[in-house]
Amino acid sequence: MSQRRFVLLDRDGTLIVERHYLSDPGEVELLPGAVEGLRSMRALGLGLVVITNQSGIGRGFFDETRLREVHEQMTSLLAKDGVVLDGIYFCPHSPSEKCDCRKPKTALVRRAEREIGFDAAEGFVIGDKECDIRLGKQVEATTLLVRTGYGRSTETDRALQPDSVVNNLEEAATVIEQI
């Protein structure tokens, strides 16, 4: 197991602009503060992994080839600014399929832990939805809710109780640095 700590990031609404069932690589747009935040996290020695539900595949809206093109565009935009991800893990299933990999279930995180070699409980989970915070709590990570994407409406759920609420990934990096 690596001593390196990792940040598990949601994709849509956290790292890139929320688009309803995004399938067009041309519509990939990094959120304000995303690059700066990820750069700061890297400077802190943290690994970066995206964990994302992509039920558009299970619903038949697009296929894995199209998703790969979206991810290639996202990683290309990040790379232009010097940010490299350690991995991208996605659940292709619709909610009705009751799989073990759809957030907030933990199968994707466990797979990333095995393949990359880290302990999620030592790291952070950042996202804009309830499922992201619930995932973080299940793997015993420190949870950060971003107000981007659906985050502002998610924040109104007082029962959720993330460890921190931040405006964007840049602010998340500042909070993480202090932990």
Foldseek 3Di string as FASTA:
>chain_A
DDPAAAEEEEPDQAQFDHDDLDQALVRTHGDPLNLLLQVLCVVVVYAYEYEYERCCCQVVVDHVVSVVSNVVSSQVVSVVSPGHHPYYHYHNHDVVVVDQRPFPRAPRVVVCCVVVPDQNLDYEFEEQALRRLSNSVVSNHQYEHECTDNNVVRVVPPVSDHNYYYPHSNVVSVVVVVD
